[in-house]
Amino acid sequence: MSHVRFSDIQAFVEEAERDRVVIDRNMVRTTFLFTQSKQYPAIQFIRLEAGYTIDGHIVKLVREMGTKVGSSPVEKAEREQREKIIADLRDQLEHLGFEVRGGFFEEGE
C-alpha cells in the first residue's frame, strides 16, 4: 500500500478538497498521538495525525506538536493551542463536506 504524507495543514486540506470526489466513504480521521520518550519517561512527544484513503492508499498529515512534561500553566496553554489547531482543522474539513472522525490509519500490513 502506498501513501502520501503532508506536514503542512493547509496543504493537506487543499489536497483533500481536490480529492473530494474519490475519498473513500467521504471520511477523514484526525487525532493526537502521544509517544513516550525512551530516555526520559516523563516526557511525551505529541503529534497531530489526519488522514483519508483513496482505493486503499493512505493520504495523511503528520505534524509534530511539541512535548508534554507533566502539568503546568505552560502545558495548559500549549494544550489549548493544540486543541484549537485540531478544532480548526476539523472545521475546515467539515466545511468541505467530509465526515470527520477520530483515529488514524496504520501503515504497513
N, C-alpha and C. Protein backbone atom coordinates (compact mmCIF):
# COMPACT_ATOMS: atom_id res chain seq x y z
N MET A 1 0.84 -1.17 0.00
CA MET A 1 0.00 0.00 0.00
C MET A 1 0.89 1.24 0.00
N SER A 2 0.61 2.17 -0.86
CA SER A 2 1.39 3.41 -0.90
C SER A 2 0.68 4.49 -0.09
N HIS A 3 1.43 5.51 0.24
CA HIS A 3 0.82 6.63 0.95
C HIS A 3 1.55 7.92 0.62
N VAL A 4 0.81 9.01 0.78
CA VAL A 4 1.33 10.36 0.58
C VAL A 4 1.28 11.03 1.94
N ARG A 5 2.33 11.77 2.27
CA ARG A 5 2.44 12.35 3.61
C ARG A 5 2.64 13.87 3.51
N PHE A 6 1.87 14.61 4.29
CA PHE A 6 1.98 16.06 4.38
C PHE A 6 2.41 16.45 5.79
N SER A 7 3.07 17.59 5.92
CA SER A 7 3.37 18.14 7.24
C SER A 7 2.72 19.52 7.41
N ASP A 8 2.24 20.09 6.32
CA ASP A 8 1.58 21.40 6.34
C ASP A 8 0.07 21.20 6.35
N ILE A 9 -0.59 21.76 7.35
CA ILE A 9 -2.03 21.55 7.50
C ILE A 9 -2.80 22.09 6.29
N GLN A 10 -2.49 23.30 5.86
CA GLN A 10 -3.25 23.89 4.75
C GLN A 10 -3.05 23.10 3.45
N ALA A 11 -1.85 22.63 3.21
CA ALA A 11 -1.60 21.81 2.01
C ALA A 11 -2.42 20.52 2.07
N PHE A 12 -2.53 19.91 3.25
CA PHE A 12 -3.34 18.71 3.41
C PHE A 12 -4.81 18.99 3.11
N VAL A 13 -5.33 20.09 3.65
CA VAL A 13 -6.74 20.46 3.43
C VAL A 13 -6.99 20.72 1.94
N GLU A 14 -6.06 21.41 1.27
CA GLU A 14 -6.21 21.68 -0.16
C GLU A 14 -6.18 20.39 -0.97
N GLU A 15 -5.34 19.45 -0.57
CA GLU A 15 -5.29 18.15 -1.26
C GLU A 15 -6.60 17.39 -1.06
N ALA A 16 -7.13 17.43 0.16
CA ALA A 16 -8.41 16.76 0.43
C ALA A 16 -9.52 17.38 -0.41
N GLU A 17 -9.49 18.68 -0.56
CA GLU A 17 -10.50 19.35 -1.38
C GLU A 17 -10.40 18.89 -2.84
N ARG A 18 -9.19 18.77 -3.36
CA ARG A 18 -9.01 18.30 -4.74
C ARG A 18 -9.44 16.84 -4.89
N ASP A 19 -9.21 16.05 -3.83
CA ASP A 19 -9.54 14.62 -3.88
C ASP A 19 -10.98 14.33 -3.45
N ARG A 20 -11.74 15.34 -3.14
CA ARG A 20 -13.06 15.19 -2.51
C ARG A 20 -13.93 14.09 -3.10
N VAL A 21 -14.00 13.99 -4.40
CA VAL A 21 -14.94 13.04 -5.02
C VAL A 21 -14.45 11.59 -4.99
N VAL A 22 -13.18 11.36 -4.66
CA VAL A 22 -12.65 9.99 -4.67
C VAL A 22 -12.25 9.47 -3.29
N ILE A 23 -12.42 10.26 -2.26
CA ILE A 23 -12.05 9.82 -0.90
C ILE A 23 -13.02 8.75 -0.44
N ASP A 24 -12.46 7.62 0.02
CA ASP A 24 -13.28 6.51 0.49
C ASP A 24 -14.20 6.94 1.62
N ARG A 25 -15.48 6.62 1.47
CA ARG A 25 -16.51 6.87 2.49
C ARG A 25 -16.65 8.36 2.86
N ASN A 26 -16.04 9.26 2.11
CA ASN A 26 -16.11 10.69 2.37
C ASN A 26 -15.71 11.01 3.82
N MET A 27 -14.72 10.26 4.33
CA MET A 27 -14.35 10.34 5.73
C MET A 27 -12.86 10.68 5.89
N VAL A 28 -12.60 11.58 6.84
CA VAL A 28 -11.23 11.95 7.22
C VAL A 28 -11.11 11.71 8.72
N ARG A 29 -10.02 11.06 9.12
CA ARG A 29 -9.78 10.80 10.54
C ARG A 29 -8.74 11.79 11.07
N THR A 30 -8.94 12.24 12.32
CA THR A 30 -8.00 13.16 12.96
C THR A 30 -7.77 12.74 14.41
N THR A 31 -6.55 12.89 14.88
CA THR A 31 -6.25 12.56 16.28
C THR A 31 -4.90 13.14 16.69
N PHE A 32 -4.67 13.15 17.99
CA PHE A 32 -3.35 13.42 18.54
C PHE A 32 -2.76 12.09 18.99
N LEU A 33 -1.49 11.88 18.74
CA LEU A 33 -0.78 10.68 19.20
C LEU A 33 0.30 11.11 20.17
N PHE A 34 0.42 10.37 21.25
CA PHE A 34 1.41 10.64 22.28
C PHE A 34 2.39 9.47 22.32
N THR A 35 3.68 9.78 22.24
CA THR A 35 4.72 8.76 22.28
C THR A 35 5.66 9.08 23.44
N GLN A 36 5.85 8.12 24.30
CA GLN A 36 6.70 8.33 25.47
C GLN A 36 8.17 8.28 25.07
N SER A 37 8.95 9.21 25.61
CA SER A 37 10.39 9.24 25.38
C SER A 37 11.03 8.00 26.00
N LYS A 38 11.91 7.37 25.26
CA LYS A 38 12.62 6.20 25.79
C LYS A 38 13.67 6.61 26.82
N GLN A 39 14.29 7.76 26.63
CA GLN A 39 15.32 8.23 27.56
C GLN A 39 14.75 8.85 28.83
N TYR A 40 13.66 9.61 28.67
CA TYR A 40 13.06 10.33 29.78
C TYR A 40 11.56 10.02 29.83
N PRO A 41 11.17 8.98 30.56
CA PRO A 41 9.78 8.51 30.55
C PRO A 41 8.73 9.56 30.92
N ALA A 42 9.13 10.62 31.62
CA ALA A 42 8.16 11.66 31.99
C ALA A 42 7.80 12.56 30.81
N ILE A 43 8.55 12.45 29.72
CA ILE A 43 8.32 13.29 28.55
C ILE A 43 7.54 12.51 27.50
N GLN A 44 6.53 13.17 26.94
CA GLN A 44 5.77 12.60 25.83
C GLN A 44 5.88 13.52 24.63
N PHE A 45 6.11 12.92 23.46
CA PHE A 45 6.12 13.67 22.21
C PHE A 45 4.71 13.63 21.64
N ILE A 46 4.25 14.75 21.13
CA ILE A 46 2.87 14.85 20.65
C ILE A 46 2.89 15.17 19.17
N ARG A 47 2.02 14.47 18.42
CA ARG A 47 1.87 14.82 17.01
C ARG A 47 0.41 14.72 16.62
N LEU A 48 0.06 15.56 15.68
CA LEU A 48 -1.26 15.57 15.08
C LEU A 48 -1.22 14.68 13.85
N GLU A 49 -2.18 13.79 13.72
CA GLU A 49 -2.31 13.00 12.51
C GLU A 49 -3.71 13.13 11.98
N ALA A 50 -3.81 13.26 10.68
CA ALA A 50 -5.10 13.26 9.99
C ALA A 50 -4.88 12.46 8.71
N GLY A 51 -5.92 11.81 8.24
CA GLY A 51 -5.74 11.05 7.02
C GLY A 51 -7.04 10.57 6.42
N TYR A 52 -6.93 10.18 5.17
CA TYR A 52 -8.05 9.57 4.45
C TYR A 52 -7.47 8.56 3.49
N THR A 53 -8.35 7.75 2.92
CA THR A 53 -7.89 6.76 1.95
C THR A 53 -8.59 6.95 0.62
N ILE A 54 -7.85 6.57 -0.42
CA ILE A 54 -8.39 6.54 -1.79
C ILE A 54 -8.00 5.18 -2.34
N ASP A 55 -9.00 4.36 -2.59
CA ASP A 55 -8.75 2.99 -3.09
C ASP A 55 -7.69 2.27 -2.26
N GLY A 56 -7.74 2.43 -0.94
CA GLY A 56 -6.82 1.74 -0.06
C GLY A 56 -5.47 2.42 0.13
N HIS A 57 -5.21 3.51 -0.58
CA HIS A 57 -3.96 4.25 -0.44
C HIS A 57 -4.18 5.37 0.58
N ILE A 58 -3.25 5.52 1.48
CA ILE A 58 -3.38 6.50 2.57
C ILE A 58 -2.79 7.85 2.16
N VAL A 59 -3.54 8.90 2.44
CA VAL A 59 -3.05 10.27 2.33
C VAL A 59 -3.14 10.83 3.75
N LYS A 60 -2.00 11.27 4.30
CA LYS A 60 -2.04 11.66 5.70
C LYS A 60 -1.25 12.93 5.97
N LEU A 61 -1.65 13.57 7.05
CA LEU A 61 -0.97 14.73 7.61
C LEU A 61 -0.31 14.26 8.90
N VAL A 62 0.97 14.55 9.05
CA VAL A 62 1.68 14.28 10.29
C VAL A 62 2.38 15.57 10.69
N ARG A 63 1.99 16.11 11.81
CA ARG A 63 2.54 17.40 12.25
C ARG A 63 2.99 17.28 13.70
N GLU A 64 4.27 17.47 13.94
CA GLU A 64 4.80 17.43 15.30
C GLU A 64 4.24 18.62 16.07
N MET A 65 3.78 18.35 17.30
CA MET A 65 3.11 19.40 18.08
C MET A 65 3.82 19.69 19.40
N GLY A 66 5.06 19.21 19.54
CA GLY A 66 5.82 19.52 20.74
C GLY A 66 5.88 18.37 21.72
N THR A 67 6.14 18.72 22.98
CA THR A 67 6.29 17.73 24.03
C THR A 67 5.38 18.08 25.20
N LYS A 68 5.14 17.06 26.01
CA LYS A 68 4.36 17.25 27.24
C LYS A 68 5.22 16.75 28.38
N VAL A 69 5.38 17.61 29.39
CA VAL A 69 6.14 17.23 30.57
C VAL A 69 5.29 17.61 31.77
N GLY A 70 4.57 16.64 32.31
CA GLY A 70 3.76 16.90 33.49
C GLY A 70 2.63 17.87 33.22
N SER A 71 2.30 18.65 34.23
CA SER A 71 1.19 19.58 34.17
C SER A 71 1.65 20.92 34.73
N SER A 72 1.46 21.97 33.95
CA SER A 72 1.88 23.30 34.37
C SER A 72 1.05 24.33 33.61
N PRO A 73 1.11 25.60 34.02
CA PRO A 73 0.40 26.63 33.26
C PRO A 73 0.86 26.70 31.79
N VAL A 74 2.16 26.47 31.57
CA VAL A 74 2.67 26.48 30.19
C VAL A 74 2.06 25.31 29.42
N GLU A 75 2.03 24.13 30.04
CA GLU A 75 1.42 22.95 29.40
C GLU A 75 -0.05 23.20 29.10
N LYS A 76 -0.77 23.85 30.00
CA LYS A 76 -2.19 24.15 29.78
C LYS A 76 -2.36 25.04 28.56
N ALA A 77 -1.56 26.07 28.43
CA ALA A 77 -1.64 26.97 27.29
C ALA A 77 -1.29 26.25 25.99
N GLU A 78 -0.27 25.39 26.04
CA GLU A 78 0.11 24.62 24.85
C GLU A 78 -0.98 23.64 24.46
N ARG A 79 -1.62 22.99 25.46
CA ARG A 79 -2.71 22.06 25.18
C ARG A 79 -3.88 22.79 24.52
N GLU A 80 -4.21 23.97 25.04
CA GLU A 80 -5.30 24.76 24.46
C GLU A 80 -4.98 25.13 23.01
N GLN A 81 -3.71 25.47 22.74
CA GLN A 81 -3.30 25.81 21.38
C GLN A 81 -3.44 24.59 20.46
N ARG A 82 -3.01 23.40 20.93
CA ARG A 82 -3.15 22.18 20.14
C ARG A 82 -4.61 21.87 19.86
N GLU A 83 -5.45 22.01 20.88
CA GLU A 83 -6.87 21.75 20.70
C GLU A 83 -7.50 22.70 19.70
N LYS A 84 -7.06 23.95 19.70
CA LYS A 84 -7.57 24.92 18.72
C LYS A 84 -7.14 24.53 17.31
N ILE A 85 -5.91 24.08 17.15
CA ILE A 85 -5.41 23.68 15.83
C ILE A 85 -6.23 22.52 15.28
N ILE A 86 -6.49 21.49 16.10
CA ILE A 86 -7.25 20.34 15.60
C ILE A 86 -8.71 20.72 15.38
N ALA A 87 -9.27 21.59 16.22
CA ALA A 87 -10.64 22.05 16.02
C ALA A 87 -10.77 22.82 14.71
N ASP A 88 -9.80 23.69 14.43
CA ASP A 88 -9.81 24.44 13.17
C ASP A 88 -9.70 23.50 11.96
N LEU A 89 -8.83 22.49 12.08
CA LEU A 89 -8.69 21.51 11.00
C LEU A 89 -10.01 20.77 10.78
N ARG A 90 -10.62 20.30 11.84
CA ARG A 90 -11.91 19.60 11.72
C ARG A 90 -12.97 20.50 11.10
N ASP A 91 -13.02 21.76 11.53
CA ASP A 91 -13.99 22.71 10.97
C ASP A 91 -13.79 22.88 9.47
N GLN A 92 -12.53 23.03 9.04
CA GLN A 92 -12.26 23.18 7.60
C GLN A 92 -12.72 21.95 6.82
N LEU A 93 -12.42 20.77 7.36
CA LEU A 93 -12.79 19.54 6.67
C LEU A 93 -14.30 19.34 6.64
N GLU A 94 -14.98 19.64 7.74
CA GLU A 94 -16.45 19.53 7.76
C GLU A 94 -17.07 20.54 6.80
N HIS A 95 -16.49 21.73 6.72
CA HIS A 95 -16.99 22.75 5.78
C HIS A 95 -16.90 22.24 4.34
N LEU A 96 -15.91 21.42 4.04
CA LEU A 96 -15.77 20.84 2.70
C LEU A 96 -16.72 19.66 2.49
N GLY A 97 -17.45 19.27 3.54
CA GLY A 97 -18.44 18.21 3.40
C GLY A 97 -17.98 16.83 3.84
N PHE A 98 -16.82 16.74 4.50
CA PHE A 98 -16.33 15.45 4.95
C PHE A 98 -16.92 15.07 6.30
N GLU A 99 -17.06 13.77 6.51
CA GLU A 99 -17.36 13.27 7.84
C GLU A 99 -16.01 13.15 8.55
N VAL A 100 -15.88 13.81 9.68
CA VAL A 100 -14.61 13.81 10.41
C VAL A 100 -14.78 12.94 11.65
N ARG A 101 -13.89 11.94 11.76
CA ARG A 101 -13.92 11.02 12.90
C ARG A 101 -12.54 10.97 13.55
N GLY A 102 -12.50 10.43 14.74
CA GLY A 102 -11.24 10.25 15.44
C GLY A 102 -10.50 9.03 14.89
N GLY A 103 -9.29 8.85 15.38
CA GLY A 103 -8.49 7.70 14.99
C GLY A 103 -7.48 8.05 13.93
N PHE A 104 -6.74 7.00 13.52
CA PHE A 104 -5.71 7.19 12.49
C PHE A 104 -5.55 5.91 11.72
N PHE A 105 -4.90 6.00 10.57
CA PHE A 105 -4.65 4.84 9.73
C PHE A 105 -3.27 4.28 10.02
N GLU A 106 -3.19 2.98 10.26
CA GLU A 106 -1.91 2.30 10.47
C GLU A 106 -1.27 2.06 9.11
N GLU A 107 0.02 2.27 9.04
CA GLU A 107 0.75 1.96 7.81
C GLU A 107 1.30 0.56 7.92
N GLY A 108 1.52 -0.06 6.81
CA GLY A 108 2.05 -1.42 6.81
C GLY A 108 0.97 -2.43 6.50
N GLU A 109 1.17 -3.64 6.91
CA GLU A 109 0.30 -4.79 6.67
C GLU A 109 0.58 -5.42 5.37
